[in-house]
Amino acid sequence: MAGAGVPRGFLAPGLLTGSFSFAVIGIAATFAAMTCFAKETPNITKNESRRLGFVIVWMSVFCMWLIWACVYMHQMVPLIYPQHVHK
Protein backbone atom coordinates (compact mmCIF):
# COMPACT_ATOMS: atom_id res chain seq x y z
CA MET A 1 0.00 0.00 0.00
CA ALA A 2 2.84 2.36 -0.77
CA GLY A 3 1.59 5.74 -1.88
CA ALA A 4 -1.62 5.55 0.12
CA GLY A 5 -2.83 8.94 1.24
CA VAL A 6 -3.11 9.87 4.87
CA PRO A 7 -6.76 9.91 5.91
CA ARG A 8 -7.93 13.35 6.94
CA GLY A 9 -11.33 12.26 8.24
CA PHE A 10 -14.05 14.81 8.83
CA LEU A 11 -11.73 17.79 8.37
CA ALA A 12 -10.89 17.09 4.73
CA PRO A 13 -11.31 20.29 2.68
CA GLY A 14 -13.62 18.66 0.13
CA LEU A 15 -15.85 17.24 2.84
CA LEU A 16 -16.11 20.62 4.57
CA THR A 17 -16.92 22.38 1.29
CA GLY A 18 -19.58 19.81 0.43
CA SER A 19 -21.09 20.01 3.91
CA PHE A 20 -21.26 23.79 3.64
CA SER A 21 -22.95 23.41 0.24
CA PHE A 22 -25.60 21.11 1.71
CA ALA A 23 -26.19 23.61 4.54
CA VAL A 24 -26.74 26.40 1.97
CA ILE A 25 -29.12 24.18 0.01
CA GLY A 26 -31.00 23.40 3.23
CA ILE A 27 -31.33 27.08 4.12
CA ALA A 28 -32.57 27.94 0.62
CA ALA A 29 -35.05 25.03 0.63
CA THR A 30 -36.29 26.06 4.09
CA PHE A 31 -36.92 29.59 2.84
CA ALA A 32 -38.80 28.21 -0.17
CA ALA A 33 -40.85 25.84 1.99
CA MET A 34 -41.78 28.58 4.46
CA THR A 35 -42.74 31.21 1.90
CA CYS A 36 -43.91 29.41 -1.25
CA PHE A 37 -45.25 26.02 -0.21
CA ALA A 38 -46.82 26.55 3.22
CA LYS A 39 -50.56 27.05 2.97
CA GLU A 40 -53.58 26.67 5.14
CA THR A 41 -56.16 23.99 4.43
CA PRO A 42 -59.17 22.75 6.39
CA ASN A 43 -56.99 19.99 7.88
CA ILE A 44 -53.81 21.90 8.72
CA THR A 45 -53.01 25.44 9.84
CA LYS A 46 -50.38 27.56 8.12
CA ASN A 47 -48.08 27.31 11.16
CA GLU A 48 -48.35 23.50 11.17
CA SER A 49 -47.68 23.46 7.43
CA ARG A 50 -44.52 25.53 7.97
CA ARG A 51 -43.31 23.22 10.74
CA LEU A 52 -43.97 20.17 8.56
CA GLY A 53 -42.08 21.76 5.66
CA PHE A 54 -39.16 22.54 7.99
CA VAL A 55 -38.97 18.92 9.18
CA ILE A 56 -39.24 17.49 5.67
CA VAL A 57 -36.57 19.82 4.25
CA TRP A 58 -33.99 19.17 6.97
CA MET A 59 -34.59 15.42 7.14
CA SER A 60 -34.14 15.27 3.36
CA VAL A 61 -31.00 17.42 3.43
CA PHE A 62 -29.50 15.33 6.24
CA CYS A 63 -30.19 12.03 4.44
CA MET A 64 -28.74 13.31 1.16
CA TRP A 65 -25.69 14.73 2.98
CA LEU A 66 -25.13 11.45 4.83
CA ILE A 67 -25.17 9.39 1.62
CA TRP A 68 -22.90 11.90 -0.14
CA ALA A 69 -20.46 12.02 2.81
CA CYS A 70 -20.22 8.22 2.95
CA VAL A 71 -19.50 7.99 -0.77
CA TYR A 72 -17.00 10.85 -0.62
CA MET A 73 -15.10 9.44 2.38
CA HIS A 74 -15.05 5.97 0.81
CA GLN A 75 -13.17 7.43 -2.16
CA MET A 76 -10.64 9.25 0.03
CA VAL A 77 -8.77 6.07 1.02
CA PRO A 78 -9.69 3.27 -1.40
CA LEU A 79 -9.38 -0.33 -0.25
CA ILE A 80 -8.35 -1.64 -3.67
CA TYR A 81 -5.43 -0.13 -5.58
CA PRO A 82 -4.68 -0.64 -9.29
CA GLN A 83 -1.99 -3.20 -10.12
CA HIS A 84 0.50 -1.74 -12.59
CA VAL A 85 2.24 -4.29 -14.82
CA HIS A 86 5.57 -3.13 -16.28
CA LYS A 87 6.45 -4.68 -19.66
PDB file of N, CA and C in Angstrom:
ATOM      1  N   MET A   1       0.820  -1.188   0.000  1.00  0.00           N
ATOM      2  CA  MET A   1       0.000   0.000   0.000  1.00  0.00           C
ATOM      3  C   MET A   1       0.869   1.258   0.000  1.00  0.00           C
ATOM      4  N   ALA A   2       1.984   1.187  -0.657  1.00  0.00           N
ATOM      5  CA  ALA A   2       2.836   2.358  -0.773  1.00  0.00           C
ATOM      6  C   ALA A   2       2.117   3.424  -1.590  1.00  0.00           C
ATOM      7  N   GLY A   3       2.236   4.643  -1.168  1.00  0.00           N
ATOM      8  CA  GLY A   3       1.593   5.736  -1.883  1.00  0.00           C
ATOM      9  C   GLY A   3       0.181   6.012  -1.420  1.00  0.00           C
ATOM     10  N   ALA A   4      -0.269   5.301  -0.390  1.00  0.00           N
ATOM     11  CA  ALA A   4      -1.616   5.548   0.117  1.00  0.00           C
ATOM     12  C   ALA A   4      -1.649   6.891   0.823  1.00  0.00           C
ATOM     13  N   GLY A   5      -2.695   7.633   0.608  1.00  0.00           N
ATOM     14  CA  GLY A   5      -2.830   8.944   1.236  1.00  0.00           C
ATOM     15  C   GLY A   5      -3.144   8.815   2.717  1.00  0.00           C
ATOM     16  N   VAL A   6      -2.815   9.837   3.439  1.00  0.00           N
ATOM     17  CA  VAL A   6      -3.111   9.871   4.865  1.00  0.00           C
ATOM     18  C   VAL A   6      -4.566  10.297   5.027  1.00  0.00           C
ATOM     19  N   PRO A   7      -5.359   9.525   5.746  1.00  0.00           N
ATOM     20  CA  PRO A   7      -6.759   9.905   5.915  1.00  0.00           C
ATOM     21  C   PRO A   7      -6.891  11.196   6.721  1.00  0.00           C
ATOM     22  N   ARG A   8      -7.720  12.089   6.257  1.00  0.00           N
ATOM     23  CA  ARG A   8      -7.933  13.355   6.944  1.00  0.00           C
ATOM     24  C   ARG A   8      -9.264  13.399   7.666  1.00  0.00           C
ATOM     25  N   GLY A   9     -10.076  12.361   7.494  1.00  0.00           N
ATOM     26  CA  GLY A   9     -11.329  12.262   8.242  1.00  0.00           C
ATOM     27  C   GLY A   9     -12.317  13.365   7.934  1.00  0.00           C
ATOM     28  N   PHE A  10     -12.976  13.834   8.989  1.00  0.00           N
ATOM     29  CA  PHE A  10     -14.050  14.812   8.826  1.00  0.00           C
ATOM     30  C   PHE A  10     -13.551  16.218   8.511  1.00  0.00           C
ATOM     31  N   LEU A  11     -12.256  16.462   8.634  1.00  0.00           N
ATOM     32  CA  LEU A  11     -11.728  17.794   8.373  1.00  0.00           C
ATOM     33  C   LEU A  11     -11.105  17.930   6.989  1.00  0.00           C
ATOM     34  N   ALA A  12     -11.382  16.993   6.106  1.00  0.00           N
ATOM     35  CA  ALA A  12     -10.891  17.092   4.725  1.00  0.00           C
ATOM     36  C   ALA A  12     -11.534  18.300   4.058  1.00  0.00           C
ATOM     37  N   PRO A  13     -10.761  19.066   3.302  1.00  0.00           N
ATOM     38  CA  PRO A  13     -11.310  20.290   2.685  1.00  0.00           C
ATOM     39  C   PRO A  13     -12.526  20.032   1.787  1.00  0.00           C
ATOM     40  N   GLY A  14     -12.489  18.968   1.000  1.00  0.00           N
ATOM     41  CA  GLY A  14     -13.620  18.665   0.127  1.00  0.00           C
ATOM     42  C   GLY A  14     -14.874  18.316   0.907  1.00  0.00           C
ATOM     43  N   LEU A  15     -14.701  17.624   2.012  1.00  0.00           N
ATOM     44  CA  LEU A  15     -15.848  17.244   2.842  1.00  0.00           C
ATOM     45  C   LEU A  15     -16.451  18.475   3.519  1.00  0.00           C
ATOM     46  N   LEU A  16     -15.610  19.396   3.958  1.00  0.00           N
ATOM     47  CA  LEU A  16     -16.113  20.624   4.572  1.00  0.00           C
ATOM     48  C   LEU A  16     -16.836  21.496   3.550  1.00  0.00           C
ATOM     49  N   THR A  17     -16.279  21.592   2.347  1.00  0.00           N
ATOM     50  CA  THR A  17     -16.921  22.383   1.293  1.00  0.00           C
ATOM     51  C   THR A  17     -18.275  21.792   0.913  1.00  0.00           C
ATOM     52  N   GLY A  18     -18.316  20.470   0.764  1.00  0.00           N
ATOM     53  CA  GLY A  18     -19.580  19.814   0.432  1.00  0.00           C
ATOM     54  C   GLY A  18     -20.613  19.955   1.534  1.00  0.00           C
ATOM     55  N   SER A  19     -20.168  19.850   2.786  1.00  0.00           N
ATOM     56  CA  SER A  19     -21.089  20.012   3.914  1.00  0.00           C
ATOM     57  C   SER A  19     -21.651  21.430   3.954  1.00  0.00           C
ATOM     58  N   PHE A  20     -20.793  22.408   3.693  1.00  0.00           N
ATOM     59  CA  PHE A  20     -21.257  23.795   3.641  1.00  0.00           C
ATOM     60  C   PHE A  20     -22.269  23.974   2.503  1.00  0.00           C
ATOM     61  N   SER A  21     -22.020  23.324   1.371  1.00  0.00           N
ATOM     62  CA  SER A  21     -22.950  23.410   0.235  1.00  0.00           C
ATOM     63  C   SER A  21     -24.313  22.828   0.596  1.00  0.00           C
ATOM     64  N   PHE A  22     -24.327  21.699   1.294  1.00  0.00           N
ATOM     65  CA  PHE A  22     -25.602  21.109   1.714  1.00  0.00           C
ATOM     66  C   PHE A  22     -26.318  22.012   2.713  1.00  0.00           C
ATOM     67  N   ALA A  23     -25.567  22.689   3.591  1.00  0.00           N
ATOM     68  CA  ALA A  23     -26.189  23.615   4.539  1.00  0.00           C
ATOM     69  C   ALA A  23     -26.847  24.781   3.798  1.00  0.00           C
ATOM     70  N   VAL A  24     -26.173  25.299   2.770  1.00  0.00           N
ATOM     71  CA  VAL A  24     -26.740  26.400   1.975  1.00  0.00           C
ATOM     72  C   VAL A  24     -27.993  25.927   1.243  1.00  0.00           C
ATOM     73  N   ILE A  25     -27.941  24.729   0.684  1.00  0.00           N
ATOM     74  CA  ILE A  25     -29.120  24.176   0.006  1.00  0.00           C
ATOM     75  C   ILE A  25     -30.271  24.016   0.999  1.00  0.00           C
ATOM     76  N   GLY A  26     -29.966  23.555   2.210  1.00  0.00           N
ATOM     77  CA  GLY A  26     -31.000  23.400   3.234  1.00  0.00           C
ATOM     78  C   GLY A  26     -31.625  24.726   3.622  1.00  0.00           C
ATOM     79  N   ILE A  27     -30.804  25.763   3.765  1.00  0.00           N
ATOM     80  CA  ILE A  27     -31.326  27.084   4.116  1.00  0.00           C
ATOM     81  C   ILE A  27     -32.211  27.622   2.996  1.00  0.00           C
ATOM     82  N   ALA A  28     -31.774  27.474   1.753  1.00  0.00           N
ATOM     83  CA  ALA A  28     -32.574  27.941   0.616  1.00  0.00           C
ATOM     84  C   ALA A  28     -33.890  27.167   0.511  1.00  0.00           C
ATOM     85  N   ALA A  29     -33.824  25.846   0.711  1.00  0.00           N
ATOM     86  CA  ALA A  29     -35.045  25.031   0.634  1.00  0.00           C
ATOM     87  C   ALA A  29     -35.992  25.355   1.789  1.00  0.00           C
ATOM     88  N   THR A  30     -35.442  25.666   2.962  1.00  0.00           N
ATOM     89  CA  THR A  30     -36.287  26.056   4.094  1.00  0.00           C
ATOM     90  C   THR A  30     -37.016  27.357   3.786  1.00  0.00           C
ATOM     91  N   PHE A  31     -36.290  28.323   3.223  1.00  0.00           N
ATOM     92  CA  PHE A  31     -36.919  29.592   2.841  1.00  0.00           C
ATOM     93  C   PHE A  31     -38.041  29.358   1.831  1.00  0.00           C
ATOM     94  N   ALA A  32     -37.774  28.500   0.838  1.00  0.00           N
ATOM     95  CA  ALA A  32     -38.805  28.210  -0.173  1.00  0.00           C
ATOM     96  C   ALA A  32     -40.002  27.506   0.456  1.00  0.00           C
ATOM     97  N   ALA A  33     -39.755  26.570   1.360  1.00  0.00           N
ATOM     98  CA  ALA A  33     -40.855  25.837   1.988  1.00  0.00           C
ATOM     99  C   ALA A  33     -41.701  26.760   2.859  1.00  0.00           C
ATOM    100  N   MET A  34     -41.049  27.675   3.548  1.00  0.00           N
ATOM    101  CA  MET A  34     -41.780  28.577   4.456  1.00  0.00           C
ATOM    102  C   MET A  34     -42.590  29.629   3.704  1.00  0.00           C
ATOM    103  N   THR A  35     -42.069  30.106   2.587  1.00  0.00           N
ATOM    104  CA  THR A  35     -42.735  31.207   1.896  1.00  0.00           C
ATOM    105  C   THR A  35     -43.629  30.759   0.739  1.00  0.00           C
ATOM    106  N   CYS A  36     -43.179  29.776  -0.026  1.00  0.00           N
ATOM    107  CA  CYS A  36     -43.910  29.409  -1.250  1.00  0.00           C
ATOM    108  C   CYS A  36     -44.863  28.228  -1.085  1.00  0.00           C
ATOM    109  N   PHE A  37     -44.506  27.270  -0.233  1.00  0.00           N
ATOM    110  CA  PHE A  37     -45.252  26.024  -0.206  1.00  0.00           C
ATOM    111  C   PHE A  37     -46.125  25.831   1.025  1.00  0.00           C
ATOM    112  N   ALA A  38     -45.984  26.674   2.030  1.00  0.00           N
ATOM    113  CA  ALA A  38     -46.823  26.549   3.222  1.00  0.00           C
ATOM    114  C   ALA A  38     -48.162  27.223   2.953  1.00  0.00           C
ATOM    115  N   LYS A  39     -49.237  26.465   3.143  1.00  0.00           N
ATOM    116  CA  LYS A  39     -50.560  27.053   2.965  1.00  0.00           C
ATOM    117  C   LYS A  39     -51.525  26.424   3.949  1.00  0.00           C
ATOM    118  N   GLU A  40     -52.575  27.130   4.191  1.00  0.00           N
ATOM    119  CA  GLU A  40     -53.575  26.667   5.141  1.00  0.00           C
ATOM    120  C   GLU A  40     -54.681  25.919   4.411  1.00  0.00           C
ATOM    121  N   THR A  41     -55.065  24.795   4.978  1.00  0.00           N
ATOM    122  CA  THR A  41     -56.161  23.988   4.433  1.00  0.00           C
ATOM    123  C   THR A  41     -57.131  23.701   5.581  1.00  0.00           C
ATOM    124  N   PRO A  42     -58.251  23.090   5.297  1.00  0.00           N
ATOM    125  CA  PRO A  42     -59.172  22.749   6.390  1.00  0.00           C
ATOM    126  C   PRO A  42     -58.564  21.760   7.405  1.00  0.00           C
ATOM    127  N   ASN A  43     -57.572  20.998   6.991  1.00  0.00           N
ATOM    128  CA  ASN A  43     -56.991  19.988   7.876  1.00  0.00           C
ATOM    129  C   ASN A  43     -55.732  20.433   8.605  1.00  0.00           C
ATOM    130  N   ILE A  44     -55.087  21.500   8.146  1.00  0.00           N
ATOM    131  CA  ILE A  44     -53.813  21.905   8.725  1.00  0.00           C
ATOM    132  C   ILE A  44     -53.708  23.432   8.701  1.00  0.00           C
ATOM    133  N   THR A  45     -53.205  23.992   9.799  1.00  0.00           N
ATOM    134  CA  THR A  45     -53.012  25.441   9.843  1.00  0.00           C
ATOM    135  C   THR A  45     -51.732  25.812   9.098  1.00  0.00           C
ATOM    136  N   LYS A  46     -51.577  27.105   8.839  1.00  0.00           N
ATOM    137  CA  LYS A  46     -50.384  27.558   8.125  1.00  0.00           C
ATOM    138  C   LYS A  46     -49.128  27.336   8.978  1.00  0.00           C
ATOM    139  N   ASN A  47     -49.227  27.528  10.285  1.00  0.00           N
ATOM    140  CA  ASN A  47     -48.081  27.310  11.163  1.00  0.00           C
ATOM    141  C   ASN A  47     -47.674  25.829  11.180  1.00  0.00           C
ATOM    142  N   GLU A  48     -48.652  24.936  11.224  1.00  0.00           N
ATOM    143  CA  GLU A  48     -48.347  23.503  11.173  1.00  0.00           C
ATOM    144  C   GLU A  48     -47.744  23.117   9.830  1.00  0.00           C
ATOM    145  N   SER A  49     -48.222  23.726   8.756  1.00  0.00           N
ATOM    146  CA  SER A  49     -47.680  23.459   7.430  1.00  0.00           C
ATOM    147  C   SER A  49     -46.226  23.911   7.347  1.00  0.00           C
ATOM    148  N   ARG A  50     -45.907  25.050   7.949  1.00  0.00           N
ATOM    149  CA  ARG A  50     -44.521  25.531   7.970  1.00  0.00           C
ATOM    150  C   ARG A  50     -43.625  24.587   8.773  1.00  0.00           C
ATOM    151  N   ARG A  51     -44.112  24.136   9.918  1.00  0.00           N
ATOM    152  CA  ARG A  51     -43.309  23.216  10.737  1.00  0.00           C
ATOM    153  C   ARG A  51     -43.083  21.897  10.011  1.00  0.00           C
ATOM    154  N   LEU A  52     -44.105  21.401   9.325  1.00  0.00           N
ATOM    155  CA  LEU A  52     -43.966  20.170   8.556  1.00  0.00           C
ATOM    156  C   LEU A  52     -42.962  20.351   7.416  1.00  0.00           C
ATOM    157  N   GLY A  53     -43.042  21.475   6.726  1.00  0.00           N
ATOM    158  CA  GLY A  53     -42.080  21.761   5.661  1.00  0.00           C
ATOM    159  C   GLY A  53     -40.658  21.830   6.191  1.00  0.00           C
ATOM    160  N   PHE A  54     -40.474  22.442   7.364  1.00  0.00           N
ATOM    161  CA  PHE A  54     -39.159  22.542   7.987  1.00  0.00           C
ATOM    162  C   PHE A  54     -38.592  21.156   8.278  1.00  0.00           C
ATOM    163  N   VAL A  55     -39.414  20.284   8.852  1.00  0.00           N
ATOM    164  CA  VAL A  55     -38.966  18.916   9.185  1.00  0.00           C
ATOM    165  C   VAL A  55     -38.630  18.140   7.915  1.00  0.00           C
ATOM    166  N   ILE A  56     -39.471  18.230   6.918  1.00  0.00           N
ATOM    167  CA  ILE A  56     -39.244  17.490   5.673  1.00  0.00           C
ATOM    168  C   ILE A  56     -37.967  17.970   4.982  1.00  0.00           C
ATOM    169  N   VAL A  57     -37.765  19.275   4.911  1.00  0.00           N
ATOM    170  CA  VAL A  57     -36.572  19.817   4.254  1.00  0.00           C
ATOM    171  C   VAL A  57     -35.310  19.336   4.957  1.00  0.00           C
ATOM    172  N   TRP A  58     -35.237  19.494   6.280  1.00  0.00           N
ATOM    173  CA  TRP A  58     -33.989  19.173   6.975  1.00  0.00           C
ATOM    174  C   TRP A  58     -33.747  17.672   7.094  1.00  0.00           C
ATOM    175  N   MET A  59     -34.797  16.867   7.169  1.00  0.00           N
ATOM    176  CA  MET A  59     -34.588  15.420   7.137  1.00  0.00           C
ATOM    177  C   MET A  59     -34.071  14.988   5.766  1.00  0.00           C
ATOM    178  N   SER A  60     -34.598  15.585   4.717  1.00  0.00           N
ATOM    179  CA  SER A  60     -34.137  15.267   3.364  1.00  0.00           C
ATOM    180  C   SER A  60     -32.697  15.705   3.156  1.00  0.00           C
ATOM    181  N   VAL A  61     -32.359  16.919   3.586  1.00  0.00           N
ATOM    182  CA  VAL A  61     -30.996  17.422   3.427  1.00  0.00           C
ATOM    183  C   VAL A  61     -30.018  16.553   4.216  1.00  0.00           C
ATOM    184  N   PHE A  62     -30.391  16.165   5.436  1.00  0.00           N
ATOM    185  CA  PHE A  62     -29.501  15.332   6.241  1.00  0.00           C
ATOM    186  C   PHE A  62     -29.271  13.965   5.589  1.00  0.00           C
ATOM    187  N   CYS A  63     -30.335  13.341   5.091  1.00  0.00           N
ATOM    188  CA  CYS A  63     -30.191  12.027   4.444  1.00  0.00           C
ATOM    189  C   CYS A  63     -29.334  12.113   3.188  1.00  0.00           C
ATOM    190  N   MET A  64     -29.551  13.146   2.369  1.00  0.00           N
ATOM    191  CA  MET A  64     -28.741  13.306   1.164  1.00  0.00           C
ATOM    192  C   MET A  64     -27.288  13.593   1.514  1.00  0.00           C
ATOM    193  N   TRP A  65     -27.056  14.431   2.550  1.00  0.00           N
ATOM    194  CA  TRP A  65     -25.686  14.726   2.976  1.00  0.00           C
ATOM    195  C   TRP A  65     -24.997  13.469   3.497  1.00  0.00           C
ATOM    196  N   LEU A  66     -25.717  12.659   4.257  1.00  0.00           N
ATOM    197  CA  LEU A  66     -25.126  11.449   4.827  1.00  0.00           C
ATOM    198  C   LEU A  66     -24.695  10.478   3.733  1.00  0.00           C
ATOM    199  N   ILE A  67     -25.521  10.264   2.732  1.00  0.00           N
ATOM    200  CA  ILE A  67     -25.165   9.387   1.622  1.00  0.00           C
ATOM    201  C   ILE A  67     -23.971   9.966   0.863  1.00  0.00           C
ATOM    202  N   TRP A  68     -24.002  11.270   0.572  1.00  0.00           N
ATOM    203  CA  TRP A  68     -22.898  11.899  -0.139  1.00  0.00           C
ATOM    204  C   TRP A  68     -21.605  11.804   0.661  1.00  0.00           C
ATOM    205  N   ALA A  69     -21.658  12.063   1.969  1.00  0.00           N
ATOM    206  CA  ALA A  69     -20.459  12.022   2.812  1.00  0.00           C
ATOM    207  C   ALA A  69     -19.876  10.608   2.866  1.00  0.00           C
ATOM    208  N   CYS A  70     -20.716   9.603   2.948  1.00  0.00           N
ATOM    209  CA  CYS A  70     -20.215   8.216   2.953  1.00  0.00           C
ATOM    210  C   CYS A  70     -19.516   7.884   1.644  1.00  0.00           C
ATOM    211  N   VAL A  71     -20.113   8.257   0.531  1.00  0.00           N
ATOM    212  CA  VAL A  71     -19.502   7.986  -0.771  1.00  0.00           C
ATOM    213  C   VAL A  71     -18.200   8.765  -0.914  1.00  0.00           C
ATOM    214  N   TYR A  72     -18.195  10.018  -0.499  1.00  0.00           N
ATOM    215  CA  TYR A  72     -17.003  10.855  -0.616  1.00  0.00           C
ATOM    216  C   TYR A  72     -15.867  10.291   0.237  1.00  0.00           C
ATOM    217  N   MET A  73     -16.155   9.951   1.494  1.00  0.00           N
ATOM    218  CA  MET A  73     -15.100   9.437   2.377  1.00  0.00           C
ATOM    219  C   MET A  73     -14.602   8.069   1.931  1.00  0.00           C
ATOM    220  N   HIS A  74     -15.473   7.279   1.310  1.00  0.00           N
ATOM    221  CA  HIS A  74     -15.046   5.973   0.808  1.00  0.00           C
ATOM    222  C   HIS A  74     -14.013   6.141  -0.302  1.00  0.00           C
ATOM    223  N   GLN A  75     -14.109   7.200  -1.068  1.00  0.00           N
ATOM    224  CA  GLN A  75     -13.167   7.428  -2.157  1.00  0.00           C
ATOM    225  C   GLN A  75     -11.867   8.070  -1.685  1.00  0.00           C
ATOM    226  N   MET A  76     -11.840   8.588  -0.466  1.00  0.00           N
ATOM    227  CA  MET A  76     -10.635   9.251   0.034  1.00  0.00           C
ATOM    228  C   MET A  76      -9.484   8.267   0.243  1.00  0.00           C
ATOM    229  N   VAL A  77      -9.779   7.103   0.794  1.00  0.00           N
ATOM    230  CA  VAL A  77      -8.769   6.066   1.017  1.00  0.00           C
ATOM    231  C   VAL A  77      -9.349   4.758   0.473  1.00  0.00           C
ATOM    232  N   PRO A  78      -9.108   4.477  -0.802  1.00  0.00           N
ATOM    233  CA  PRO A  78      -9.688   3.267  -1.395  1.00  0.00           C
ATOM    234  C   PRO A  78      -9.069   1.998  -0.810  1.00  0.00           C
ATOM    235  N   LEU A  79      -9.847   0.947  -0.777  1.00  0.00           N
ATOM    236  CA  LEU A  79      -9.377  -0.330  -0.251  1.00  0.00           C
ATOM    237  C   LEU A  79      -8.653  -1.144  -1.315  1.00  0.00           C
ATOM    238  N   ILE A  80      -8.953  -0.898  -2.573  1.00  0.00           N
ATOM    239  CA  ILE A  80      -8.352  -1.644  -3.673  1.00  0.00           C
ATOM    240  C   ILE A  80      -7.552  -0.664  -4.527  1.00  0.00           C
ATOM    241  N   TYR A  81      -6.304  -0.980  -4.774  1.00  0.00           N
ATOM    242  CA  TYR A  81      -5.429  -0.128  -5.584  1.00  0.00           C
ATOM    243  C   TYR A  81      -5.153  -0.815  -6.926  1.00  0.00           C
ATOM    244  N   PRO A  82      -4.964  -0.040  -7.992  1.00  0.00           N
ATOM    245  CA  PRO A  82      -4.675  -0.642  -9.290  1.00  0.00           C
ATOM    246  C   PRO A  82      -3.318  -1.343  -9.279  1.00  0.00           C
ATOM    247  N   GLN A  83      -3.245  -2.431  -9.986  1.00  0.00           N
ATOM    248  CA  GLN A  83      -1.991  -3.195 -10.122  1.00  0.00           C
ATOM    249  C   GLN A  83      -1.359  -2.789 -11.446  1.00  0.00           C
ATOM    250  N   HIS A  84      -0.203  -2.167 -11.388  1.00  0.00           N
ATOM    251  CA  HIS A  84       0.502  -1.737 -12.589  1.00  0.00           C
ATOM    252  C   HIS A  84       1.471  -2.842 -13.024  1.00  0.00           C
ATOM    253  N   VAL A  85       1.362  -3.257 -14.284  1.00  0.00           N
ATOM    254  CA  VAL A  85       2.238  -4.285 -14.823  1.00  0.00           C
ATOM    255  C   VAL A  85       3.229  -3.609 -15.761  1.00  0.00           C
ATOM    256  N   HIS A  86       4.521  -3.718 -15.431  1.00  0.00           N
ATOM    257  CA  HIS A  86       5.568  -3.131 -16.278  1.00  0.00           C
ATOM    258  C   HIS A  86       6.009  -4.150 -17.317  1.00  0.00           C
ATOM    259  N   LYS A  87       6.051  -3.774 -18.594  1.00  0.00           N
ATOM    260  CA  LYS A  87       6.448  -4.684 -19.665  1.00  0.00           C
ATOM    261  C   LYS A  87       7.873  -4.464 -20.038  1.00  0.00           C
TER     262      LYS A  87
END
